[in-house]
Amino acid sequence: MSTPNNPGRDPNEPKAGWPGAPGWDGPPTLGQRIDEALELIQMELRHAISYVNDAVIPQVRRESIGAMRMAAETLRNLADRFEKQAGGAAGQQQNQPPHDPTQGPTK
């Protein structure tokens, strides 16, 4: 029976979604609960992936670039030191006569 405020609805009929209402099958089954849990997990994974893509990856890139620049500078300084040492050692070797293997070890 309908009322002026609820045309087509019987006031004695339970509301949809409530126990006893048409279409209400009782409490959710285990399968339904698992499906709901899977949907929530998928939603959380999408949020986590978005966070990693939007915040973590750009920060890692910025920090990696800085670290690579520092490593490049350190390697450049090391190469300069090797070059200076090799240049000094080459100058010392030019002033000495070549080593004669029959004479034994050099000092």
PDB file of N, CA and C in Angstrom:
ATOM      1  N   MET A   1       0.834  -1.168   0.000  1.00  0.00           N
ATOM      2  CA  MET A   1       0.000   0.000   0.000  1.00  0.00           C
ATOM      3  C   MET A   1       0.884   1.237   0.000  1.00  0.00           C
ATOM      4  N   SER A   2       0.477   2.246  -0.738  1.00  0.00           N
ATOM      5  CA  SER A   2       1.301   3.444  -0.809  1.00  0.00           C
ATOM      6  C   SER A   2       0.713   4.536   0.078  1.00  0.00           C
ATOM      7  N   THR A   3       1.585   5.440   0.474  1.00  0.00           N
ATOM      8  CA  THR A   3       1.180   6.587   1.277  1.00  0.00           C
ATOM      9  C   THR A   3       1.544   7.840   0.492  1.00  0.00           C
ATOM     10  N   PRO A   4       1.010   9.005   0.866  1.00  0.00           N
ATOM     11  CA  PRO A   4       1.339  10.219   0.112  1.00  0.00           C
ATOM     12  C   PRO A   4       2.838  10.528   0.126  1.00  0.00           C
ATOM     13  N   ASN A   5       3.535  10.241   1.231  1.00  0.00           N
ATOM     14  CA  ASN A   5       4.968  10.538   1.313  1.00  0.00           C
ATOM     15  C   ASN A   5       5.824   9.476   0.637  1.00  0.00           C
ATOM     16  N   ASN A   6       5.327   8.265   0.547  1.00  0.00           N
ATOM     17  CA  ASN A   6       6.067   7.156  -0.048  1.00  0.00           C
ATOM     18  C   ASN A   6       5.186   6.409  -1.039  1.00  0.00           C
ATOM     19  N   PRO A   7       4.957   7.004  -2.219  1.00  0.00           N
ATOM     20  CA  PRO A   7       4.069   6.326  -3.160  1.00  0.00           C
ATOM     21  C   PRO A   7       4.642   4.978  -3.582  1.00  0.00           C
ATOM     22  N   GLY A   8       3.787   3.973  -3.608  1.00  0.00           N
ATOM     23  CA  GLY A   8       4.191   2.645  -4.051  1.00  0.00           C
ATOM     24  C   GLY A   8       4.868   1.811  -2.991  1.00  0.00           C
ATOM     25  N   ARG A   9       5.023   2.330  -1.761  1.00  0.00           N
ATOM     26  CA  ARG A   9       5.704   1.584  -0.705  1.00  0.00           C
ATOM     27  C   ARG A   9       4.749   1.357   0.444  1.00  0.00           C
ATOM     28  N   ASP A  10       4.714   0.114   0.897  1.00  0.00           N
ATOM     29  CA  ASP A  10       3.880  -0.234   2.042  1.00  0.00           C
ATOM     30  C   ASP A  10       4.631   0.173   3.303  1.00  0.00           C
ATOM     31  N   PRO A  11       4.024   0.999   4.188  1.00  0.00           N
ATOM     32  CA  PRO A  11       4.730   1.439   5.394  1.00  0.00           C
ATOM     33  C   PRO A  11       5.076   0.281   6.329  1.00  0.00           C
ATOM     34  N   ASN A  12       4.385  -0.834   6.222  1.00  0.00           N
ATOM     35  CA  ASN A  12       4.700  -1.983   7.082  1.00  0.00           C
ATOM     36  C   ASN A  12       5.820  -2.857   6.502  1.00  0.00           C
ATOM     37  N   GLU A  13       6.212  -2.561   5.278  1.00  0.00           N
ATOM     38  CA  GLU A  13       7.269  -3.344   4.630  1.00  0.00           C
ATOM     39  C   GLU A  13       8.625  -2.855   5.139  1.00  0.00           C
ATOM     40  N   PRO A  14       9.548  -3.780   5.488  1.00  0.00           N
ATOM     41  CA  PRO A  14      10.865  -3.348   5.976  1.00  0.00           C
ATOM     42  C   PRO A  14      11.637  -2.602   4.895  1.00  0.00           C
ATOM     43  N   LYS A  15      12.526  -1.674   5.339  1.00  0.00           N
ATOM     44  CA  LYS A  15      13.342  -0.912   4.400  1.00  0.00           C
ATOM     45  C   LYS A  15      14.335  -1.844   3.711  1.00  0.00           C
ATOM     46  N   ALA A  16      14.688  -1.479   2.501  1.00  0.00           N
ATOM     47  CA  ALA A  16      15.659  -2.278   1.750  1.00  0.00           C
ATOM     48  C   ALA A  16      16.979  -2.315   2.511  1.00  0.00           C
ATOM     49  N   GLY A  17      17.620  -3.464   2.535  1.00  0.00           N
ATOM     50  CA  GLY A  17      18.894  -3.610   3.226  1.00  0.00           C
ATOM     51  C   GLY A  17      18.746  -4.040   4.672  1.00  0.00           C
ATOM     52  N   TRP A  18      17.546  -4.107   5.155  1.00  0.00           N
ATOM     53  CA  TRP A  18      17.304  -4.518   6.528  1.00  0.00           C
ATOM     54  C   TRP A  18      16.846  -5.972   6.538  1.00  0.00           C
ATOM     55  N   PRO A  19      17.076  -6.659   7.636  1.00  0.00           N
ATOM     56  CA  PRO A  19      16.616  -8.053   7.702  1.00  0.00           C
ATOM     57  C   PRO A  19      15.125  -8.145   7.416  1.00  0.00           C
ATOM     58  N   GLY A  20      14.771  -9.083   6.582  1.00  0.00           N
ATOM     59  CA  GLY A  20      13.370  -9.276   6.215  1.00  0.00           C
ATOM     60  C   GLY A  20      12.961  -8.488   4.990  1.00  0.00           C
ATOM     61  N   ALA A  21      13.794  -7.552   4.521  1.00  0.00           N
ATOM     62  CA  ALA A  21      13.459  -6.758   3.340  1.00  0.00           C
ATOM     63  C   ALA A  21      13.633  -7.606   2.092  1.00  0.00           C
ATOM     64  N   PRO A  22      12.828  -7.309   1.050  1.00  0.00           N
ATOM     65  CA  PRO A  22      13.009  -8.039  -0.210  1.00  0.00           C
ATOM     66  C   PRO A  22      14.418  -7.768  -0.745  1.00  0.00           C
ATOM     67  N   GLY A  23      15.098  -8.797  -1.203  1.00  0.00           N
ATOM     68  CA  GLY A  23      16.457  -8.640  -1.723  1.00  0.00           C
ATOM     69  C   GLY A  23      17.534  -8.761  -0.662  1.00  0.00           C
ATOM     70  N   TRP A  24      17.113  -8.890   0.587  1.00  0.00           N
ATOM     71  CA  TRP A  24      18.117  -9.061   1.647  1.00  0.00           C
ATOM     72  C   TRP A  24      18.314 -10.546   1.851  1.00  0.00           C
ATOM     73  N   ASP A  25      19.552 -10.988   1.642  1.00  0.00           N
ATOM     74  CA  ASP A  25      19.855 -12.414   1.690  1.00  0.00           C
ATOM     75  C   ASP A  25      20.475 -12.852   3.000  1.00  0.00           C
ATOM     76  N   GLY A  26      20.468 -12.000   3.982  1.00  0.00           N
ATOM     77  CA  GLY A  26      21.089 -12.341   5.255  1.00  0.00           C
ATOM     78  C   GLY A  26      22.493 -11.762   5.335  1.00  0.00           C
ATOM     79  N   PRO A  27      23.223 -12.157   6.355  1.00  0.00           N
ATOM     80  CA  PRO A  27      24.580 -11.617   6.511  1.00  0.00           C
ATOM     81  C   PRO A  27      25.452 -12.050   5.332  1.00  0.00           C
ATOM     82  N   PRO A  28      26.513 -11.277   5.047  1.00  0.00           N
ATOM     83  CA  PRO A  28      27.352 -11.614   3.907  1.00  0.00           C
ATOM     84  C   PRO A  28      28.016 -12.983   4.101  1.00  0.00           C
ATOM     85  N   THR A  29      28.126 -13.679   2.998  1.00  0.00           N
ATOM     86  CA  THR A  29      28.775 -14.998   3.043  1.00  0.00           C
ATOM     87  C   THR A  29      30.280 -14.805   3.074  1.00  0.00           C
ATOM     88  N   LEU A  30      30.992 -15.876   3.313  1.00  0.00           N
ATOM     89  CA  LEU A  30      32.455 -15.822   3.331  1.00  0.00           C
ATOM     90  C   LEU A  30      32.988 -15.342   1.983  1.00  0.00           C
ATOM     91  N   GLY A  31      32.403 -15.837   0.903  1.00  0.00           N
ATOM     92  CA  GLY A  31      32.830 -15.416  -0.437  1.00  0.00           C
ATOM     93  C   GLY A  31      32.637 -13.928  -0.651  1.00  0.00           C
ATOM     94  N   GLN A  32      31.487 -13.402  -0.175  1.00  0.00           N
ATOM     95  CA  GLN A  32      31.222 -11.970  -0.313  1.00  0.00           C
ATOM     96  C   GLN A  32      32.213 -11.156   0.507  1.00  0.00           C
ATOM     97  N   ARG A  33      32.507 -11.634   1.703  1.00  0.00           N
ATOM     98  CA  ARG A  33      33.471 -10.923   2.553  1.00  0.00           C
ATOM     99  C   ARG A  33      34.859 -10.937   1.938  1.00  0.00           C
ATOM    100  N   ILE A  34      35.230 -12.059   1.319  1.00  0.00           N
ATOM    101  CA  ILE A  34      36.537 -12.141   0.650  1.00  0.00           C
ATOM    102  C   ILE A  34      36.574 -11.187  -0.536  1.00  0.00           C
ATOM    103  N   ASP A  35      35.481 -11.134  -1.301  1.00  0.00           N
ATOM    104  CA  ASP A  35      35.414 -10.208  -2.430  1.00  0.00           C
ATOM    105  C   ASP A  35      35.568  -8.758  -1.971  1.00  0.00           C
ATOM    106  N   GLU A  36      34.890  -8.406  -0.875  1.00  0.00           N
ATOM    107  CA  GLU A  36      35.008  -7.047  -0.335  1.00  0.00           C
ATOM    108  C   GLU A  36      36.439  -6.763   0.114  1.00  0.00           C
ATOM    109  N   ALA A  37      37.046  -7.739   0.772  1.00  0.00           N
ATOM    110  CA  ALA A  37      38.427  -7.564   1.229  1.00  0.00           C
ATOM    111  C   ALA A  37      39.364  -7.392   0.038  1.00  0.00           C
ATOM    112  N   LEU A  38      39.152  -8.167  -1.020  1.00  0.00           N
ATOM    113  CA  LEU A  38      39.984  -8.042  -2.213  1.00  0.00           C
ATOM    114  C   LEU A  38      39.832  -6.666  -2.857  1.00  0.00           C
ATOM    115  N   GLU A  39      38.617  -6.159  -2.891  1.00  0.00           N
ATOM    116  CA  GLU A  39      38.391  -4.820  -3.442  1.00  0.00           C
ATOM    117  C   GLU A  39      39.133  -3.774  -2.624  1.00  0.00           C
ATOM    118  N   LEU A  40      39.077  -3.893  -1.299  1.00  0.00           N
ATOM    119  CA  LEU A  40      39.791  -2.942  -0.441  1.00  0.00           C
ATOM    120  C   LEU A  40      41.296  -3.045  -0.634  1.00  0.00           C
ATOM    121  N   ILE A  41      41.795  -4.267  -0.741  1.00  0.00           N
ATOM    122  CA  ILE A  41      43.235  -4.461  -0.959  1.00  0.00           C
ATOM    123  C   ILE A  41      43.658  -3.848  -2.292  1.00  0.00           C
ATOM    124  N   GLN A  42      42.864  -4.073  -3.335  1.00  0.00           N
ATOM    125  CA  GLN A  42      43.182  -3.501  -4.637  1.00  0.00           C
ATOM    126  C   GLN A  42      43.177  -1.980  -4.586  1.00  0.00           C
ATOM    127  N   MET A  43      42.215  -1.404  -3.872  1.00  0.00           N
ATOM    128  CA  MET A  43      42.147   0.044  -3.742  1.00  0.00           C
ATOM    129  C   MET A  43      43.384   0.572  -3.013  1.00  0.00           C
ATOM    130  N   GLU A  44      43.772  -0.095  -1.922  1.00  0.00           N
ATOM    131  CA  GLU A  44      44.950   0.333  -1.176  1.00  0.00           C
ATOM    132  C   GLU A  44      46.224   0.198  -2.016  1.00  0.00           C
ATOM    133  N   LEU A  45      46.303  -0.858  -2.809  1.00  0.00           N
ATOM    134  CA  LEU A  45      47.462  -1.026  -3.696  1.00  0.00           C
ATOM    135  C   LEU A  45      47.532   0.094  -4.725  1.00  0.00           C
ATOM    136  N   ARG A  46      46.383   0.474  -5.270  1.00  0.00           N
ATOM    137  CA  ARG A  46      46.372   1.582  -6.230  1.00  0.00           C
ATOM    138  C   ARG A  46      46.855   2.869  -5.571  1.00  0.00           C
ATOM    139  N   HIS A  47      46.448   3.097  -4.332  1.00  0.00           N
ATOM    140  CA  HIS A  47      46.897   4.291  -3.605  1.00  0.00           C
ATOM    141  C   HIS A  47      48.401   4.217  -3.347  1.00  0.00           C
ATOM    142  N   ALA A  48      48.885   3.049  -2.946  1.00  0.00           N
ATOM    143  CA  ALA A  48      50.319   2.891  -2.679  1.00  0.00           C
ATOM    144  C   ALA A  48      51.135   3.100  -3.948  1.00  0.00           C
ATOM    145  N   ILE A  49      50.674   2.555  -5.055  1.00  0.00           N
ATOM    146  CA  ILE A  49      51.385   2.720  -6.326  1.00  0.00           C
ATOM    147  C   ILE A  49      51.407   4.192  -6.724  1.00  0.00           C
ATOM    148  N   SER A  50      50.297   4.875  -6.548  1.00  0.00           N
ATOM    149  CA  SER A  50      50.253   6.309  -6.868  1.00  0.00           C
ATOM    150  C   SER A  50      51.235   7.083  -6.008  1.00  0.00           C
ATOM    151  N   TYR A  51      51.296   6.770  -4.722  1.00  0.00           N
ATOM    152  CA  TYR A  51      52.215   7.455  -3.814  1.00  0.00           C
ATOM    153  C   TYR A  51      53.663   7.218  -4.245  1.00  0.00           C
ATOM    154  N   VAL A  52      53.995   5.968  -4.556  1.00  0.00           N
ATOM    155  CA  VAL A  52      55.369   5.659  -4.978  1.00  0.00           C
ATOM    156  C   VAL A  52      55.698   6.425  -6.260  1.00  0.00           C
ATOM    157  N   ASN A  53      54.785   6.409  -7.222  1.00  0.00           N
ATOM    158  CA  ASN A  53      55.033   7.096  -8.493  1.00  0.00           C
ATOM    159  C   ASN A  53      55.108   8.609  -8.339  1.00  0.00           C
ATOM    160  N   ASP A  54      54.274   9.175  -7.479  1.00  0.00           N
ATOM    161  CA  ASP A  54      54.189  10.630  -7.359  1.00  0.00           C
ATOM    162  C   ASP A  54      55.183  11.236  -6.381  1.00  0.00           C
ATOM    163  N   ALA A  55      55.570  10.496  -5.344  1.00  0.00           N
ATOM    164  CA  ALA A  55      56.417  11.080  -4.305  1.00  0.00           C
ATOM    165  C   ALA A  55      57.772  10.395  -4.181  1.00  0.00           C
ATOM    166  N   VAL A  56      57.788   9.088  -4.123  1.00  0.00           N
ATOM    167  CA  VAL A  56      59.028   8.367  -3.826  1.00  0.00           C
ATOM    168  C   VAL A  56      59.986   8.403  -5.010  1.00  0.00           C
ATOM    169  N   ILE A  57      59.518   8.053  -6.187  1.00  0.00           N
ATOM    170  CA  ILE A  57      60.412   7.974  -7.348  1.00  0.00           C
ATOM    171  C   ILE A  57      61.055   9.324  -7.663  1.00  0.00           C
ATOM    172  N   PRO A  58      60.311  10.432  -7.703  1.00  0.00           N
ATOM    173  CA  PRO A  58      60.978  11.715  -7.966  1.00  0.00           C
ATOM    174  C   PRO A  58      62.041  12.056  -6.913  1.00  0.00           C
ATOM    175  N   GLN A  59      61.778  11.754  -5.652  1.00  0.00           N
ATOM    176  CA  GLN A  59      62.747  12.039  -4.594  1.00  0.00           C
ATOM    177  C   GLN A  59      64.001  11.177  -4.770  1.00  0.00           C
ATOM    178  N   VAL A  60      63.816   9.909  -5.092  1.00  0.00           N
ATOM    179  CA  VAL A  60      64.959   9.013  -5.307  1.00  0.00           C
ATOM    180  C   VAL A  60      65.787   9.508  -6.494  1.00  0.00           C
ATOM    181  N   ARG A  61      65.123   9.959  -7.543  1.00  0.00           N
ATOM    182  CA  ARG A  61      65.860  10.489  -8.706  1.00  0.00           C
ATOM    183  C   ARG A  61      66.687  11.699  -8.325  1.00  0.00           C
ATOM    184  N   ARG A  62      66.081  12.629  -7.568  1.00  0.00           N
ATOM    185  CA  ARG A  62      66.822  13.827  -7.155  1.00  0.00           C
ATOM    186  C   ARG A  62      68.046  13.447  -6.317  1.00  0.00           C
ATOM    187  N   GLU A  63      67.849  12.556  -5.358  1.00  0.00           N
ATOM    188  CA  GLU A  63      68.958  12.163  -4.494  1.00  0.00           C
ATOM    189  C   GLU A  63      70.013  11.367  -5.263  1.00  0.00           C
ATOM    190  N   SER A  64      69.591  10.556  -6.223  1.00  0.00           N
ATOM    191  CA  SER A  64      70.536   9.776  -7.026  1.00  0.00           C
ATOM    192  C   SER A  64      71.390  10.686  -7.889  1.00  0.00           C
ATOM    193  N   ILE A  65      70.777  11.705  -8.464  1.00  0.00           N
ATOM    194  CA  ILE A  65      71.530  12.647  -9.292  1.00  0.00           C
ATOM    195  C   ILE A  65      72.597  13.337  -8.456  1.00  0.00           C
ATOM    196  N   GLY A  66      72.220  13.774  -7.264  1.00  0.00           N
ATOM    197  CA  GLY A  66      73.201  14.414  -6.371  1.00  0.00           C
ATOM    198  C   GLY A  66      74.329  13.463  -5.990  1.00  0.00           C
ATOM    199  N   ALA A  67      73.980  12.213  -5.698  1.00  0.00           N
ATOM    200  CA  ALA A  67      75.002  11.226  -5.326  1.00  0.00           C
ATOM    201  C   ALA A  67      75.928  10.941  -6.504  1.00  0.00           C
ATOM    202  N   MET A  68      75.374  10.850  -7.712  1.00  0.00           N
ATOM    203  CA  MET A  68      76.220  10.601  -8.888  1.00  0.00           C
ATOM    204  C   MET A  68      77.155  11.777  -9.150  1.00  0.00           C
ATOM    205  N   ARG A  69      76.670  12.985  -8.928  1.00  0.00           N
ATOM    206  CA  ARG A  69      77.544  14.156  -9.111  1.00  0.00           C
ATOM    207  C   ARG A  69      78.676  14.165  -8.085  1.00  0.00           C
ATOM    208  N   MET A  70      78.366  13.801  -6.846  1.00  0.00           N
ATOM    209  CA  MET A  70      79.421  13.732  -5.823  1.00  0.00           C
ATOM    210  C   MET A  70      80.432  12.639  -6.167  1.00  0.00           C
ATOM    211  N   ALA A  71      79.939  11.478  -6.631  1.00  0.00           N
ATOM    212  CA  ALA A  71      80.841  10.387  -7.012  1.00  0.00           C
ATOM    213  C   ALA A  71      81.707  10.808  -8.190  1.00  0.00           C
ATOM    214  N   ALA A  72      81.138  11.524  -9.148  1.00  0.00           N
ATOM    215  CA  ALA A  72      81.911  11.993 -10.304  1.00  0.00           C
ATOM    216  C   ALA A  72      83.006  12.956  -9.855  1.00  0.00           C
ATOM    217  N   GLU A  73      82.684  13.840  -8.946  1.00  0.00           N
ATOM    218  CA  GLU A  73      83.685  14.787  -8.433  1.00  0.00           C
ATOM    219  C   GLU A  73      84.807  14.046  -7.698  1.00  0.00           C
ATOM    220  N   THR A  74      84.436  13.061  -6.893  1.00  0.00           N
ATOM    221  CA  THR A  74      85.442  12.269  -6.168  1.00  0.00           C
ATOM    222  C   THR A  74      86.332  11.518  -7.151  1.00  0.00           C
ATOM    223  N   LEU A  75      85.745  10.925  -8.168  1.00  0.00           N
ATOM    224  CA  LEU A  75      86.544  10.214  -9.178  1.00  0.00           C
ATOM    225  C   LEU A  75      87.439  11.174  -9.950  1.00  0.00           C
ATOM    226  N   ARG A  76      86.944  12.372 -10.241  1.00  0.00           N
ATOM    227  CA  ARG A  76      87.767  13.376 -10.932  1.00  0.00           C
ATOM    228  C   ARG A  76      88.966  13.747 -10.075  1.00  0.00           C
ATOM    229  N   ASN A  77      88.740  13.964  -8.777  1.00  0.00           N
ATOM    230  CA  ASN A  77      89.846  14.293  -7.880  1.00  0.00           C
ATOM    231  C   ASN A  77      90.844  13.146  -7.789  1.00  0.00           C
ATOM    232  N   LEU A  78      90.363  11.922  -7.722  1.00  0.00           N
ATOM    233  CA  LEU A  78      91.240  10.759  -7.664  1.00  0.00           C
ATOM    234  C   LEU A  78      92.061  10.641  -8.950  1.00  0.00           C
ATOM    235  N   ALA A  79      91.426  10.855 -10.089  1.00  0.00           N
ATOM    236  CA  ALA A  79      92.156  10.804 -11.365  1.00  0.00           C
ATOM    237  C   ALA A  79      93.225  11.888 -11.417  1.00  0.00           C
ATOM    238  N   ASP A  80      92.917  13.074 -10.901  1.00  0.00           N
ATOM    239  CA  ASP A  80      93.925  14.148 -10.864  1.00  0.00           C
ATOM    240  C   ASP A  80      95.114  13.750  -9.996  1.00  0.00           C
ATOM    241  N   ARG A  81      94.842  13.130  -8.845  1.00  0.00           N
ATOM    242  CA  ARG A  81      95.937  12.686  -7.970  1.00  0.00           C
ATOM    243  C   ARG A  81      96.787  11.629  -8.654  1.00  0.00           C
ATOM    244  N   PHE A  82      96.140  10.660  -9.315  1.00  0.00           N
ATOM    245  CA  PHE A  82      96.893   9.632 -10.033  1.00  0.00           C
ATOM    246  C   PHE A  82      97.754  10.263 -11.127  1.00  0.00           C
ATOM    247  N   GLU A  83      97.163  11.234 -11.812  1.00  0.00           N
ATOM    248  CA  GLU A  83      97.888  11.894 -12.896  1.00  0.00           C
ATOM    249  C   GLU A  83      99.107  12.639 -12.361  1.00  0.00           C
ATOM    250  N   LYS A  84      98.951  13.329 -11.230  1.00  0.00           N
ATOM    251  CA  LYS A  84     100.082  14.051 -10.638  1.00  0.00           C
ATOM    252  C   LYS A  84     101.164  13.081 -10.185  1.00  0.00           C
ATOM    253  N   GLN A  85     100.748  11.971  -9.543  1.00  0.00           N
ATOM    254  CA  GLN A  85     101.719  10.970  -9.087  1.00  0.00           C
ATOM    255  C   GLN A  85     102.442  10.350 -10.269  1.00  0.00           C
ATOM    256  N   ALA A  86     101.732  10.038 -11.308  1.00  0.00           N
ATOM    257  CA  ALA A  86     102.351   9.442 -12.493  1.00  0.00           C
ATOM    258  C   ALA A  86     103.284  10.443 -13.152  1.00  0.00           C
ATOM    259  N   GLY A  87     102.892  11.709 -13.178  1.00  0.00           N
ATOM    260  CA  GLY A  87     103.748  12.749 -13.766  1.00  0.00           C
ATOM    261  C   GLY A  87     105.018  12.925 -12.961  1.00  0.00           C
ATOM    262  N   GLY A  88     104.937  12.895 -11.637  1.00  0.00           N
ATOM    263  CA  GLY A  88     106.119  13.021 -10.770  1.00  0.00           C
ATOM    264  C   GLY A  88     107.008  11.803 -10.879  1.00  0.00           C
ATOM    265  N   ALA A  89     106.436  10.628 -10.941  1.00  0.00           N
ATOM    266  CA  ALA A  89     107.219   9.397 -11.054  1.00  0.00           C
ATOM    267  C   ALA A  89     107.889   9.327 -12.414  1.00  0.00           C
ATOM    268  N   ALA A  90     107.232   9.806 -13.455  1.00  0.00           N
ATOM    269  CA  ALA A  90     107.825   9.790 -14.797  1.00  0.00           C
ATOM    270  C   ALA A  90     109.025  10.733 -14.840  1.00  0.00           C
ATOM    271  N   GLY A  91     108.917  11.875 -14.170  1.00  0.00           N
ATOM    272  CA  GLY A  91     110.036  12.824 -14.126  1.00  0.00           C
ATOM    273  C   GLY A  91     111.231  12.240 -13.390  1.00  0.00           C
ATOM    274  N   GLN A  92     111.000  11.494 -12.312  1.00  0.00           N
ATOM    275  CA  GLN A  92     112.095  10.877 -11.571  1.00  0.00           C
ATOM    276  C   GLN A  92     112.754   9.786 -12.392  1.00  0.00           C
ATOM    277  N   GLN A  93     111.992   9.012 -13.117  1.00  0.00           N
ATOM    278  CA  GLN A  93     112.542   7.929 -13.911  1.00  0.00           C
ATOM    279  C   GLN A  93     113.366   8.473 -15.076  1.00  0.00           C
ATOM    280  N   GLN A  94     113.033   9.628 -15.592  1.00  0.00           N
ATOM    281  CA  GLN A  94     113.778  10.195 -16.708  1.00  0.00           C
ATOM    282  C   GLN A  94     115.182  10.594 -16.273  1.00  0.00           C
ATOM    283  N   ASN A  95     115.385  10.988 -15.019  1.00  0.00           N
ATOM    284  CA  ASN A  95     116.692  11.404 -14.525  1.00  0.00           C
ATOM    285  C   ASN A  95     117.587  10.225 -14.181  1.00  0.00           C
ATOM    286  N   GLN A  96     117.063   9.028 -14.029  1.00  0.00           N
ATOM    287  CA  GLN A  96     117.859   7.859 -13.669  1.00  0.00           C
ATOM    288  C   GLN A  96     118.188   7.053 -14.912  1.00  0.00           C
ATOM    289  N   PRO A  97     119.359   6.418 -14.909  1.00  0.00           N
ATOM    290  CA  PRO A  97     119.679   5.558 -16.049  1.00  0.00           C
ATOM    291  C   PRO A  97     118.792   4.327 -16.026  1.00  0.00           C
ATOM    292  N   PRO A  98     118.556   3.684 -17.166  1.00  0.00           N
ATOM    293  CA  PRO A  98     117.720   2.488 -17.183  1.00  0.00           C
ATOM    294  C   PRO A  98     118.345   1.391 -16.323  1.00  0.00           C
ATOM    295  N   HIS A  99     117.498   0.566 -15.724  1.00  0.00           N
ATOM    296  CA  HIS A  99     117.941  -0.509 -14.819  1.00  0.00           C
ATOM    297  C   HIS A  99     118.541  -1.658 -15.624  1.00  0.00           C
ATOM    298  N   ASP A 100     119.686  -2.118 -15.192  1.00  0.00           N
ATOM    299  CA  ASP A 100     120.339  -3.284 -15.800  1.00  0.00           C
ATOM    300  C   ASP A 100     119.975  -4.488 -14.969  1.00  0.00           C
ATOM    301  N   PRO A 101     119.223  -5.468 -15.511  1.00  0.00           N
ATOM    302  CA  PRO A 101     118.780  -6.622 -14.725  1.00  0.00           C
ATOM    303  C   PRO A 101     119.939  -7.449 -14.170  1.00  0.00           C
ATOM    304  N   THR A 102     121.132  -7.369 -14.757  1.00  0.00           N
ATOM    305  CA  THR A 102     122.272  -8.153 -14.269  1.00  0.00           C
ATOM    306  C   THR A 102     122.872  -7.550 -13.003  1.00  0.00           C
ATOM    307  N   GLN A 103     122.516  -6.346 -12.681  1.00  0.00           N
ATOM    308  CA  GLN A 103     123.066  -5.646 -11.530  1.00  0.00           C
ATOM    309  C   GLN A 103     122.316  -5.940 -10.229  1.00  0.00           C
ATOM    310  N   GLY A 104     121.166  -6.614 -10.269  1.00  0.00           N
ATOM    311  CA  GLY A 104     120.393  -6.867  -9.055  1.00  0.00           C
ATOM    312  C   GLY A 104     119.334  -5.806  -8.871  1.00  0.00           C
ATOM    313  N   PRO A 105     118.677  -5.849  -7.684  1.00  0.00           N
ATOM    314  CA  PRO A 105     117.570  -4.890  -7.444  1.00  0.00           C
ATOM    315  C   PRO A 105     118.076  -3.459  -7.332  1.00  0.00           C
ATOM    316  N   THR A 106     117.231  -2.513  -7.701  1.00  0.00           N
ATOM    317  CA  THR A 106     117.564  -1.100  -7.571  1.00  0.00           C
ATOM    318  C   THR A 106     117.094  -0.562  -6.251  1.00  0.00           C
ATOM    319  N   LYS A 107     117.649   0.551  -5.850  1.00  0.00           N
ATOM    320  CA  LYS A 107     117.277   1.167  -4.582  1.00  0.00           C
ATOM    321  C   LYS A 107     116.189   2.164  -4.779  1.00  0.00           C
TER     322      LYS A 107
END
